[in-house]
Amino acid sequence: MLNFLLGALAGALMAAVATIAAVRNPDVQVRMGLVRQDPTVVQVVRRPDPVCPAQAAAPGAAGAGPQVGQPEMLFARRRFWSVAP
């Protein structure tokens, strides 16, 4: 009998904690009618168009963009065979 009473008390305590935690949630408060929902105001903010910095003319081709490195950097034989001490 004591086990039943302790279990019922523990269950009631857990239900009370869960109910209090749920009622503190603003969405649950609105659904239960405890508070009125404020009208949602959507502000439309137009972001300014991004401004790209002026690109320097590439030495190789006009409009190709800046070239970084050389293809020889990856496939140079001395890169694969030279071992630094």
N, C-alpha and C. Protein backbone atom coordinates (compact mmCIF):
# COMPACT_ATOMS: atom_id res chain seq x y z
N MET A 1 0.82 -1.19 0.00
CA MET A 1 0.00 0.00 0.00
C MET A 1 0.87 1.27 0.00
N LEU A 2 1.97 1.19 0.75
CA LEU A 2 2.86 2.35 0.80
C LEU A 2 3.51 2.58 -0.56
N ASN A 3 3.84 1.48 -1.26
CA ASN A 3 4.43 1.63 -2.60
C ASN A 3 3.46 2.32 -3.55
N PHE A 4 2.19 1.99 -3.45
CA PHE A 4 1.18 2.61 -4.31
C PHE A 4 1.08 4.11 -4.01
N LEU A 5 1.06 4.46 -2.75
CA LEU A 5 0.96 5.88 -2.38
C LEU A 5 2.19 6.67 -2.82
N LEU A 6 3.37 6.07 -2.63
CA LEU A 6 4.59 6.77 -3.07
C LEU A 6 4.64 6.90 -4.58
N GLY A 7 4.22 5.87 -5.29
CA GLY A 7 4.20 5.93 -6.75
C GLY A 7 3.19 6.95 -7.25
N ALA A 8 2.01 7.00 -6.60
CA ALA A 8 1.00 7.98 -7.00
C ALA A 8 1.49 9.39 -6.71
N LEU A 9 2.17 9.58 -5.60
CA LEU A 9 2.70 10.89 -5.27
C LEU A 9 3.79 11.31 -6.26
N ALA A 10 4.66 10.38 -6.62
CA ALA A 10 5.71 10.69 -7.59
C ALA A 10 5.11 10.99 -8.96
N GLY A 11 4.10 10.23 -9.37
CA GLY A 11 3.44 10.49 -10.65
C GLY A 11 2.74 11.82 -10.67
N ALA A 12 2.07 12.17 -9.57
CA ALA A 12 1.40 13.46 -9.50
C ALA A 12 2.41 14.60 -9.53
N LEU A 13 3.54 14.42 -8.88
CA LEU A 13 4.58 15.45 -8.89
C LEU A 13 5.16 15.64 -10.29
N MET A 14 5.40 14.53 -10.99
CA MET A 14 5.91 14.64 -12.36
C MET A 14 4.88 15.29 -13.28
N ALA A 15 3.60 14.95 -13.13
CA ALA A 15 2.56 15.56 -13.95
C ALA A 15 2.45 17.05 -13.67
N ALA A 16 2.59 17.44 -12.41
CA ALA A 16 2.53 18.86 -12.06
C ALA A 16 3.69 19.63 -12.66
N VAL A 17 4.89 19.06 -12.58
CA VAL A 17 6.06 19.73 -13.15
C VAL A 17 5.92 19.85 -14.66
N ALA A 18 5.45 18.79 -15.32
CA ALA A 18 5.27 18.84 -16.77
C ALA A 18 4.21 19.86 -17.16
N THR A 19 3.13 19.95 -16.39
CA THR A 19 2.07 20.91 -16.69
C THR A 19 2.57 22.34 -16.51
N ILE A 20 3.29 22.59 -15.44
CA ILE A 20 3.81 23.94 -15.21
C ILE A 20 4.80 24.32 -16.30
N ALA A 21 5.65 23.38 -16.70
CA ALA A 21 6.62 23.68 -17.77
C ALA A 21 5.90 23.95 -19.09
N ALA A 22 4.82 23.22 -19.37
CA ALA A 22 4.09 23.44 -20.62
C ALA A 22 3.35 24.76 -20.61
N VAL A 23 2.76 25.13 -19.46
CA VAL A 23 1.99 26.37 -19.40
C VAL A 23 2.90 27.59 -19.46
N ARG A 24 4.14 27.44 -19.12
CA ARG A 24 5.08 28.57 -19.23
C ARG A 24 5.48 28.85 -20.67
N ASN A 25 5.20 27.91 -21.58
CA ASN A 25 5.54 28.08 -22.99
C ASN A 25 4.53 29.06 -23.62
N PRO A 26 4.98 30.11 -24.31
CA PRO A 26 4.05 31.10 -24.87
C PRO A 26 3.08 30.50 -25.89
N ASP A 27 3.51 29.52 -26.67
CA ASP A 27 2.60 28.93 -27.65
C ASP A 27 1.46 28.20 -26.96
N VAL A 28 1.77 27.50 -25.89
CA VAL A 28 0.73 26.78 -25.14
C VAL A 28 -0.21 27.78 -24.48
N GLN A 29 0.31 28.88 -23.99
CA GLN A 29 -0.53 29.89 -23.37
C GLN A 29 -1.54 30.45 -24.37
N VAL A 30 -1.10 30.66 -25.61
CA VAL A 30 -2.00 31.19 -26.64
C VAL A 30 -3.05 30.13 -26.98
N ARG A 31 -2.66 28.87 -27.12
CA ARG A 31 -3.62 27.82 -27.47
C ARG A 31 -4.65 27.59 -26.37
N MET A 32 -4.24 27.74 -25.11
CA MET A 32 -5.18 27.55 -24.00
C MET A 32 -6.03 28.79 -23.76
N GLY A 33 -5.70 29.90 -24.40
CA GLY A 33 -6.47 31.12 -24.23
C GLY A 33 -6.08 31.90 -22.99
N LEU A 34 -4.92 31.61 -22.42
CA LEU A 34 -4.50 32.35 -21.23
C LEU A 34 -4.08 33.77 -21.57
N VAL A 35 -3.49 33.95 -22.73
CA VAL A 35 -3.09 35.28 -23.19
C VAL A 35 -3.56 35.44 -24.63
N ARG A 36 -3.75 36.69 -25.03
CA ARG A 36 -4.14 36.95 -26.41
C ARG A 36 -2.89 37.06 -27.27
N GLN A 37 -3.04 36.59 -28.48
CA GLN A 37 -1.90 36.63 -29.39
C GLN A 37 -1.81 38.03 -29.98
N ASP A 38 -0.61 38.60 -29.92
CA ASP A 38 -0.38 39.89 -30.53
C ASP A 38 -0.37 39.73 -32.03
N PRO A 39 -0.91 40.71 -32.75
CA PRO A 39 -0.85 40.59 -34.21
C PRO A 39 0.60 40.61 -34.68
N THR A 40 0.88 39.72 -35.59
CA THR A 40 2.23 39.60 -36.10
C THR A 40 2.49 40.71 -37.11
N VAL A 41 3.53 41.45 -36.89
CA VAL A 41 3.91 42.53 -37.79
C VAL A 41 5.18 42.10 -38.52
N VAL A 42 5.07 42.06 -39.83
CA VAL A 42 6.21 41.67 -40.64
C VAL A 42 6.79 42.94 -41.27
N GLN A 43 8.02 43.19 -40.94
CA GLN A 43 8.66 44.35 -41.53
C GLN A 43 9.49 43.90 -42.71
N VAL A 44 9.22 44.52 -43.83
CA VAL A 44 9.97 44.19 -45.03
C VAL A 44 11.15 45.14 -45.11
N VAL A 45 12.32 44.56 -44.99
CA VAL A 45 13.54 45.36 -45.04
C VAL A 45 14.26 44.99 -46.32
N ARG A 46 14.50 45.98 -47.12
CA ARG A 46 15.20 45.74 -48.38
C ARG A 46 16.68 45.96 -48.14
N ARG A 47 17.43 44.92 -48.39
CA ARG A 47 18.88 45.05 -48.24
C ARG A 47 19.46 45.77 -49.45
N PRO A 48 20.47 46.56 -49.21
CA PRO A 48 21.10 47.22 -50.37
C PRO A 48 21.83 46.19 -51.22
N ASP A 49 21.86 46.46 -52.50
CA ASP A 49 22.58 45.56 -53.40
C ASP A 49 24.06 45.57 -53.05
N PRO A 50 24.69 44.40 -53.07
CA PRO A 50 26.12 44.35 -52.74
C PRO A 50 26.95 45.08 -53.79
N VAL A 51 27.96 45.73 -53.31
CA VAL A 51 28.84 46.47 -54.20
C VAL A 51 30.16 45.72 -54.26
N CYS A 52 30.52 45.28 -55.44
CA CYS A 52 31.77 44.56 -55.62
C CYS A 52 32.91 45.55 -55.77
N PRO A 53 34.05 45.26 -55.15
CA PRO A 53 35.18 46.17 -55.34
C PRO A 53 35.68 46.08 -56.78
N ALA A 54 36.28 47.14 -57.21
CA ALA A 54 36.81 47.17 -58.58
C ALA A 54 37.90 46.11 -58.71
N GLN A 55 37.77 45.28 -59.72
CA GLN A 55 38.77 44.23 -59.93
C GLN A 55 39.89 44.77 -60.81
N ALA A 56 41.10 44.47 -60.39
CA ALA A 56 42.27 44.87 -61.18
C ALA A 56 42.31 44.02 -62.44
N ALA A 57 42.76 44.60 -63.50
CA ALA A 57 42.85 43.88 -64.78
C ALA A 57 43.89 42.78 -64.66
N ALA A 58 43.52 41.56 -65.04
CA ALA A 58 44.43 40.42 -64.98
C ALA A 58 45.47 40.55 -66.07
N PRO A 59 46.72 40.18 -65.76
CA PRO A 59 47.76 40.33 -66.79
C PRO A 59 47.56 39.37 -67.96
N GLY A 60 46.91 38.21 -67.73
CA GLY A 60 46.78 37.21 -68.78
C GLY A 60 45.69 37.54 -69.78
N ALA A 61 44.49 37.67 -69.27
CA ALA A 61 43.36 37.92 -70.16
C ALA A 61 42.42 38.90 -69.48
N ALA A 62 41.75 39.67 -70.28
CA ALA A 62 40.82 40.65 -69.74
C ALA A 62 39.53 39.93 -69.35
N GLY A 63 39.07 40.11 -68.13
CA GLY A 63 37.82 39.51 -67.69
C GLY A 63 37.96 38.09 -67.18
N ALA A 64 39.16 37.51 -67.20
CA ALA A 64 39.34 36.14 -66.75
C ALA A 64 39.49 36.08 -65.24
N GLY A 65 39.73 37.18 -64.59
CA GLY A 65 39.90 37.18 -63.14
C GLY A 65 41.36 36.99 -62.79
N PRO A 66 41.71 37.26 -61.57
CA PRO A 66 43.11 37.12 -61.16
C PRO A 66 43.52 35.64 -61.09
N GLN A 67 44.74 35.39 -61.50
CA GLN A 67 45.25 34.02 -61.48
C GLN A 67 46.12 33.85 -60.24
N VAL A 68 45.83 32.80 -59.49
CA VAL A 68 46.57 32.53 -58.27
C VAL A 68 47.42 31.30 -58.50
N GLY A 69 48.71 31.44 -58.35
CA GLY A 69 49.61 30.30 -58.52
C GLY A 69 49.83 29.94 -59.97
N GLN A 70 50.49 28.81 -60.16
CA GLN A 70 50.76 28.30 -61.50
C GLN A 70 50.46 26.81 -61.50
N PRO A 71 50.07 26.25 -62.63
CA PRO A 71 49.81 24.81 -62.68
C PRO A 71 51.06 24.00 -62.36
N GLU A 72 52.22 24.57 -62.60
CA GLU A 72 53.47 23.86 -62.35
C GLU A 72 53.71 23.65 -60.85
N MET A 73 53.04 24.41 -60.02
CA MET A 73 53.22 24.28 -58.58
C MET A 73 52.75 22.91 -58.09
N LEU A 74 51.72 22.36 -58.69
CA LEU A 74 51.20 21.08 -58.23
C LEU A 74 51.97 19.89 -58.80
N PHE A 75 52.41 20.01 -60.04
CA PHE A 75 52.96 18.84 -60.73
C PHE A 75 54.45 18.94 -60.99
N ALA A 76 55.16 19.75 -60.22
CA ALA A 76 56.60 19.88 -60.44
C ALA A 76 57.29 18.60 -59.93
N ARG A 77 58.24 18.07 -60.74
CA ARG A 77 58.95 16.84 -60.35
C ARG A 77 59.79 17.06 -59.10
N ARG A 78 60.41 18.20 -58.98
CA ARG A 78 61.27 18.42 -57.81
C ARG A 78 60.46 18.48 -56.53
N ARG A 79 59.17 18.80 -56.63
CA ARG A 79 58.32 18.82 -55.44
C ARG A 79 58.16 17.39 -54.91
N PHE A 80 58.03 16.43 -55.79
CA PHE A 80 57.82 15.06 -55.37
C PHE A 80 59.12 14.37 -54.93
N TRP A 81 60.28 14.78 -55.50
CA TRP A 81 61.50 14.05 -55.26
C TRP A 81 62.44 14.73 -54.29
N SER A 82 62.24 16.01 -54.03
CA SER A 82 63.16 16.67 -53.10
C SER A 82 62.69 16.43 -51.67
N VAL A 83 63.64 16.06 -50.83
CA VAL A 83 63.33 15.80 -49.43
C VAL A 83 64.17 16.75 -48.59
N ALA A 84 63.51 17.57 -47.81
CA ALA A 84 64.25 18.52 -46.98
C ALA A 84 64.70 17.80 -45.72
N PRO A 85 65.92 18.12 -45.26
CA PRO A 85 66.42 17.44 -44.04
C PRO A 85 65.68 17.89 -42.80
